[in-house]
Amino acid sequence: MSLLMTRLFLTLVMKPRPAAKERGDVPGWVLITVMTAGLVVAIWAIAGPKLADMLGKALDSVSNK
């Protein structure tokens, strides 16, 4: 019985698996990550100086009082 179970196990494990039917070139999560990083960089480039100015003014107003 043990030999039969071992053979069955090896047959199932060593059997080649069929390739995925629809595989894209790049997985979706990679595209989402890259696009999110691009949006963050673009928004930061536009809003960064204004945010730094606002933070500086807020800190100055608190430290002067």
PDB file of N, CA and C in Angstrom:
ATOM      1  N   MET A   1       0.820  -1.193   0.000  1.00  0.00           N
ATOM      2  CA  MET A   1       0.000   0.000   0.000  1.00  0.00           C
ATOM      3  C   MET A   1       0.863   1.256   0.000  1.00  0.00           C
ATOM      4  N   SER A   2       1.947   1.217   0.717  1.00  0.00           N
ATOM      5  CA  SER A   2       2.827   2.373   0.807  1.00  0.00           C
ATOM      6  C   SER A   2       3.458   2.698  -0.545  1.00  0.00           C
ATOM      7  N   LEU A   3       3.855   1.664  -1.278  1.00  0.00           N
ATOM      8  CA  LEU A   3       4.449   1.868  -2.599  1.00  0.00           C
ATOM      9  C   LEU A   3       3.436   2.479  -3.552  1.00  0.00           C
ATOM     10  N   LEU A   4       2.201   2.039  -3.487  1.00  0.00           N
ATOM     11  CA  LEU A   4       1.142   2.574  -4.340  1.00  0.00           C
ATOM     12  C   LEU A   4       0.881   4.043  -4.023  1.00  0.00           C
ATOM     13  N   MET A   5       0.825   4.385  -2.753  1.00  0.00           N
ATOM     14  CA  MET A   5       0.599   5.780  -2.352  1.00  0.00           C
ATOM     15  C   MET A   5       1.767   6.666  -2.781  1.00  0.00           C
ATOM     16  N   THR A   6       2.975   6.159  -2.650  1.00  0.00           N
ATOM     17  CA  THR A   6       4.153   6.917  -3.060  1.00  0.00           C
ATOM     18  C   THR A   6       4.137   7.167  -4.557  1.00  0.00           C
ATOM     19  N   ARG A   7       3.795   6.145  -5.329  1.00  0.00           N
ATOM     20  CA  ARG A   7       3.725   6.302  -6.788  1.00  0.00           C
ATOM     21  C   ARG A   7       2.651   7.307  -7.178  1.00  0.00           C
ATOM     22  N   LEU A   8       1.498   7.227  -6.528  1.00  0.00           N
ATOM     23  CA  LEU A   8       0.407   8.149  -6.825  1.00  0.00           C
ATOM     24  C   LEU A   8       0.828   9.578  -6.495  1.00  0.00           C
ATOM     25  N   PHE A   9       1.444   9.746  -5.347  1.00  0.00           N
ATOM     26  CA  PHE A   9       1.903  11.070  -4.942  1.00  0.00           C
ATOM     27  C   PHE A   9       2.915  11.634  -5.939  1.00  0.00           C
ATOM     28  N   LEU A  10       3.897  10.840  -6.315  1.00  0.00           N
ATOM     29  CA  LEU A  10       4.915  11.302  -7.256  1.00  0.00           C
ATOM     30  C   LEU A  10       4.317  11.595  -8.623  1.00  0.00           C
ATOM     31  N   THR A  11       3.334  10.814  -9.030  1.00  0.00           N
ATOM     32  CA  THR A  11       2.686  11.054 -10.312  1.00  0.00           C
ATOM     33  C   THR A  11       1.952  12.387 -10.301  1.00  0.00           C
ATOM     34  N   LEU A  12       1.260  12.670  -9.217  1.00  0.00           N
ATOM     35  CA  LEU A  12       0.518  13.930  -9.138  1.00  0.00           C
ATOM     36  C   LEU A  12       1.436  15.135  -8.987  1.00  0.00           C
ATOM     37  N   VAL A  13       2.498  14.995  -8.221  1.00  0.00           N
ATOM     38  CA  VAL A  13       3.408  16.104  -7.983  1.00  0.00           C
ATOM     39  C   VAL A  13       4.261  16.391  -9.209  1.00  0.00           C
ATOM     40  N   MET A  14       4.733  15.381  -9.855  1.00  0.00           N
ATOM     41  CA  MET A  14       5.640  15.555 -10.978  1.00  0.00           C
ATOM     42  C   MET A  14       4.908  15.838 -12.289  1.00  0.00           C
ATOM     43  N   LYS A  15       3.598  15.772 -12.277  1.00  0.00           N
ATOM     44  CA  LYS A  15       2.819  16.015 -13.490  1.00  0.00           C
ATOM     45  C   LYS A  15       2.934  17.494 -13.873  1.00  0.00           C
ATOM     46  N   PRO A  16       3.291  17.794 -15.114  1.00  0.00           N
ATOM     47  CA  PRO A  16       3.404  19.199 -15.509  1.00  0.00           C
ATOM     48  C   PRO A  16       2.037  19.883 -15.482  1.00  0.00           C
ATOM     49  N   ARG A  17       2.045  21.083 -14.980  1.00  0.00           N
ATOM     50  CA  ARG A  17       0.803  21.850 -14.884  1.00  0.00           C
ATOM     51  C   ARG A  17       0.594  22.654 -16.160  1.00  0.00           C
ATOM     52  N   PRO A  18      -0.656  22.811 -16.592  1.00  0.00           N
ATOM     53  CA  PRO A  18      -0.905  23.628 -17.784  1.00  0.00           C
ATOM     54  C   PRO A  18      -0.635  25.100 -17.493  1.00  0.00           C
ATOM     55  N   ALA A  19      -0.178  25.789 -18.502  1.00  0.00           N
ATOM     56  CA  ALA A  19       0.111  27.210 -18.346  1.00  0.00           C
ATOM     57  C   ALA A  19      -1.197  27.978 -18.180  1.00  0.00           C
ATOM     58  N   ALA A  20      -1.093  29.117 -17.551  1.00  0.00           N
ATOM     59  CA  ALA A  20      -2.274  29.961 -17.374  1.00  0.00           C
ATOM     60  C   ALA A  20      -2.795  30.396 -18.733  1.00  0.00           C
ATOM     61  N   LYS A  21      -4.106  30.445 -18.855  1.00  0.00           N
ATOM     62  CA  LYS A  21      -4.705  30.755 -20.149  1.00  0.00           C
ATOM     63  C   LYS A  21      -4.477  32.203 -20.556  1.00  0.00           C
ATOM     64  N   GLU A  22      -4.642  33.118 -19.615  1.00  0.00           N
ATOM     65  CA  GLU A  22      -4.487  34.530 -19.944  1.00  0.00           C
ATOM     66  C   GLU A  22      -3.466  35.166 -19.017  1.00  0.00           C
ATOM     67  N   ARG A  23      -2.239  35.209 -19.458  1.00  0.00           N
ATOM     68  CA  ARG A  23      -1.202  35.885 -18.678  1.00  0.00           C
ATOM     69  C   ARG A  23      -0.787  37.130 -19.422  1.00  0.00           C
ATOM     70  N   GLY A  24      -0.826  38.253 -18.733  1.00  0.00           N
ATOM     71  CA  GLY A  24      -0.386  39.496 -19.329  1.00  0.00           C
ATOM     72  C   GLY A  24       1.123  39.620 -19.236  1.00  0.00           C
ATOM     73  N   ASP A  25       1.645  40.630 -19.888  1.00  0.00           N
ATOM     74  CA  ASP A  25       3.077  40.861 -19.819  1.00  0.00           C
ATOM     75  C   ASP A  25       3.488  41.350 -18.428  1.00  0.00           C
ATOM     76  N   VAL A  26       2.674  42.213 -17.849  1.00  0.00           N
ATOM     77  CA  VAL A  26       2.970  42.774 -16.542  1.00  0.00           C
ATOM     78  C   VAL A  26       1.755  42.532 -15.649  1.00  0.00           C
ATOM     79  N   PRO A  27       1.969  41.999 -14.450  1.00  0.00           N
ATOM     80  CA  PRO A  27       0.837  41.794 -13.551  1.00  0.00           C
ATOM     81  C   PRO A  27       0.154  43.113 -13.188  1.00  0.00           C
ATOM     82  N   GLY A  28      -1.108  43.038 -12.882  1.00  0.00           N
ATOM     83  CA  GLY A  28      -1.883  44.242 -12.573  1.00  0.00           C
ATOM     84  C   GLY A  28      -1.361  45.004 -11.381  1.00  0.00           C
ATOM     85  N   TRP A  29      -0.894  44.300 -10.348  1.00  0.00           N
ATOM     86  CA  TRP A  29      -0.431  45.003  -9.157  1.00  0.00           C
ATOM     87  C   TRP A  29       0.815  45.822  -9.442  1.00  0.00           C
ATOM     88  N   VAL A  30       1.637  45.390 -10.410  1.00  0.00           N
ATOM     89  CA  VAL A  30       2.834  46.167 -10.764  1.00  0.00           C
ATOM     90  C   VAL A  30       2.409  47.468 -11.434  1.00  0.00           C
ATOM     91  N   LEU A  31       1.446  47.378 -12.339  1.00  0.00           N
ATOM     92  CA  LEU A  31       0.960  48.591 -13.006  1.00  0.00           C
ATOM     93  C   LEU A  31       0.332  49.558 -12.008  1.00  0.00           C
ATOM     94  N   ILE A  32      -0.461  49.042 -11.083  1.00  0.00           N
ATOM     95  CA  ILE A  32      -1.095  49.910 -10.084  1.00  0.00           C
ATOM     96  C   ILE A  32      -0.032  50.588  -9.222  1.00  0.00           C
ATOM     97  N   THR A  33       0.997  49.850  -8.822  1.00  0.00           N
ATOM     98  CA  THR A  33       2.055  50.427  -7.994  1.00  0.00           C
ATOM     99  C   THR A  33       2.818  51.513  -8.738  1.00  0.00           C
ATOM    100  N   VAL A  34       3.170  51.249  -9.984  1.00  0.00           N
ATOM    101  CA  VAL A  34       3.928  52.229 -10.770  1.00  0.00           C
ATOM    102  C   VAL A  34       3.083  53.465 -11.051  1.00  0.00           C
ATOM    103  N   MET A  35       1.812  53.260 -11.377  1.00  0.00           N
ATOM    104  CA  MET A  35       0.946  54.409 -11.657  1.00  0.00           C
ATOM    105  C   MET A  35       0.710  55.241 -10.394  1.00  0.00           C
ATOM    106  N   THR A  36       0.558  54.595  -9.252  1.00  0.00           N
ATOM    107  CA  THR A  36       0.377  55.325  -7.997  1.00  0.00           C
ATOM    108  C   THR A  36       1.623  56.132  -7.673  1.00  0.00           C
ATOM    109  N   ALA A  37       2.788  55.531  -7.843  1.00  0.00           N
ATOM    110  CA  ALA A  37       4.034  56.260  -7.588  1.00  0.00           C
ATOM    111  C   ALA A  37       4.158  57.458  -8.526  1.00  0.00           C
ATOM    112  N   GLY A  38       3.766  57.293  -9.775  1.00  0.00           N
ATOM    113  CA  GLY A  38       3.805  58.405 -10.730  1.00  0.00           C
ATOM    114  C   GLY A  38       2.876  59.534 -10.325  1.00  0.00           C
ATOM    115  N   LEU A  39       1.684  59.185  -9.870  1.00  0.00           N
ATOM    116  CA  LEU A  39       0.747  60.215  -9.419  1.00  0.00           C
ATOM    117  C   LEU A  39       1.269  60.952  -8.194  1.00  0.00           C
ATOM    118  N   VAL A  40       1.866  60.233  -7.267  1.00  0.00           N
ATOM    119  CA  VAL A  40       2.414  60.871  -6.076  1.00  0.00           C
ATOM    120  C   VAL A  40       3.526  61.839  -6.450  1.00  0.00           C
ATOM    121  N   VAL A  41       4.392  61.430  -7.358  1.00  0.00           N
ATOM    122  CA  VAL A  41       5.486  62.312  -7.782  1.00  0.00           C
ATOM    123  C   VAL A  41       4.943  63.549  -8.485  1.00  0.00           C
ATOM    124  N   ALA A  42       3.952  63.367  -9.353  1.00  0.00           N
ATOM    125  CA  ALA A  42       3.384  64.508 -10.080  1.00  0.00           C
ATOM    126  C   ALA A  42       2.690  65.486  -9.135  1.00  0.00           C
ATOM    127  N   ILE A  43       1.900  64.961  -8.203  1.00  0.00           N
ATOM    128  CA  ILE A  43       1.204  65.836  -7.255  1.00  0.00           C
ATOM    129  C   ILE A  43       2.202  66.523  -6.337  1.00  0.00           C
ATOM    130  N   TRP A  44       3.214  65.782  -5.890  1.00  0.00           N
ATOM    131  CA  TRP A  44       4.219  66.373  -5.011  1.00  0.00           C
ATOM    132  C   TRP A  44       4.988  67.491  -5.723  1.00  0.00           C
ATOM    133  N   ALA A  45       5.268  67.319  -7.010  1.00  0.00           N
ATOM    134  CA  ALA A  45       5.994  68.353  -7.763  1.00  0.00           C
ATOM    135  C   ALA A  45       5.164  69.629  -7.865  1.00  0.00           C
ATOM    136  N   ILE A  46       3.874  69.476  -7.997  1.00  0.00           N
ATOM    137  CA  ILE A  46       3.005  70.650  -8.130  1.00  0.00           C
ATOM    138  C   ILE A  46       2.728  71.278  -6.770  1.00  0.00           C
ATOM    139  N   ALA A  47       2.391  70.462  -5.778  1.00  0.00           N
ATOM    140  CA  ALA A  47       1.934  70.983  -4.495  1.00  0.00           C
ATOM    141  C   ALA A  47       3.041  71.111  -3.451  1.00  0.00           C
ATOM    142  N   GLY A  48       4.202  70.556  -3.698  1.00  0.00           N
ATOM    143  CA  GLY A  48       5.277  70.557  -2.710  1.00  0.00           C
ATOM    144  C   GLY A  48       5.691  71.929  -2.222  1.00  0.00           C
ATOM    145  N   PRO A  49       6.000  72.853  -3.121  1.00  0.00           N
ATOM    146  CA  PRO A  49       6.409  74.184  -2.656  1.00  0.00           C
ATOM    147  C   PRO A  49       5.308  74.901  -1.862  1.00  0.00           C
ATOM    148  N   LYS A  50       4.077  74.754  -2.305  1.00  0.00           N
ATOM    149  CA  LYS A  50       2.969  75.406  -1.603  1.00  0.00           C
ATOM    150  C   LYS A  50       2.787  74.803  -0.207  1.00  0.00           C
ATOM    151  N   LEU A  51       2.894  73.484  -0.108  1.00  0.00           N
ATOM    152  CA  LEU A  51       2.767  72.839   1.194  1.00  0.00           C
ATOM    153  C   LEU A  51       3.907  73.242   2.130  1.00  0.00           C
ATOM    154  N   ALA A  52       5.111  73.341   1.604  1.00  0.00           N
ATOM    155  CA  ALA A  52       6.258  73.756   2.421  1.00  0.00           C
ATOM    156  C   ALA A  52       6.062  75.183   2.926  1.00  0.00           C
ATOM    157  N   ASP A  53       5.539  76.049   2.074  1.00  0.00           N
ATOM    158  CA  ASP A  53       5.268  77.438   2.461  1.00  0.00           C
ATOM    159  C   ASP A  53       4.209  77.496   3.560  1.00  0.00           C
ATOM    160  N   MET A  54       3.131  76.712   3.393  1.00  0.00           N
ATOM    161  CA  MET A  54       2.068  76.689   4.393  1.00  0.00           C
ATOM    162  C   MET A  54       2.587  76.174   5.739  1.00  0.00           C
ATOM    163  N   LEU A  55       3.404  75.137   5.718  1.00  0.00           N
ATOM    164  CA  LEU A  55       3.955  74.582   6.943  1.00  0.00           C
ATOM    165  C   LEU A  55       4.878  75.596   7.621  1.00  0.00           C
ATOM    166  N   GLY A  56       5.693  76.262   6.820  1.00  0.00           N
ATOM    167  CA  GLY A  56       6.587  77.293   7.380  1.00  0.00           C
ATOM    168  C   GLY A  56       5.820  78.422   8.051  1.00  0.00           C
ATOM    169  N   LYS A  57       4.762  78.873   7.397  1.00  0.00           N
ATOM    170  CA  LYS A  57       3.948  79.947   7.988  1.00  0.00           C
ATOM    171  C   LYS A  57       3.254  79.487   9.267  1.00  0.00           C
ATOM    172  N   ALA A  58       2.763  78.253   9.264  1.00  0.00           N
ATOM    173  CA  ALA A  58       2.079  77.734  10.457  1.00  0.00           C
ATOM    174  C   ALA A  58       3.059  77.612  11.616  1.00  0.00           C
ATOM    175  N   LEU A  59       4.252  77.129  11.373  1.00  0.00           N
ATOM    176  CA  LEU A  59       5.253  76.994  12.429  1.00  0.00           C
ATOM    177  C   LEU A  59       5.717  78.359  12.941  1.00  0.00           C
ATOM    178  N   ASP A  60       5.844  79.314  12.024  1.00  0.00           N
ATOM    179  CA  ASP A  60       6.241  80.672  12.439  1.00  0.00           C
ATOM    180  C   ASP A  60       5.172  81.315  13.317  1.00  0.00           C
ATOM    181  N   SER A  61       3.911  81.110  12.954  1.00  0.00           N
ATOM    182  CA  SER A  61       2.835  81.727  13.751  1.00  0.00           C
ATOM    183  C   SER A  61       2.750  81.103  15.134  1.00  0.00           C
ATOM    184  N   VAL A  62       3.060  79.836  15.267  1.00  0.00           N
ATOM    185  CA  VAL A  62       3.007  79.190  16.566  1.00  0.00           C
ATOM    186  C   VAL A  62       4.218  79.599  17.412  1.00  0.00           C
ATOM    187  N   SER A  63       5.378  79.704  16.818  1.00  0.00           N
ATOM    188  CA  SER A  63       6.592  80.022  17.572  1.00  0.00           C
ATOM    189  C   SER A  63       6.632  81.490  17.981  1.00  0.00           C
ATOM    190  N   ASN A  64       5.936  82.383  17.282  1.00  0.00           N
ATOM    191  CA  ASN A  64       5.936  83.803  17.607  1.00  0.00           C
ATOM    192  C   ASN A  64       5.011  84.118  18.773  1.00  0.00           C
ATOM    193  N   LYS A  65       4.089  83.268  19.107  1.00  0.00           N
ATOM    194  CA  LYS A  65       3.126  83.569  20.171  1.00  0.00           C
ATOM    195  C   LYS A  65       3.581  83.127  21.506  1.00  0.00           C
TER     196      LYS A  65
END
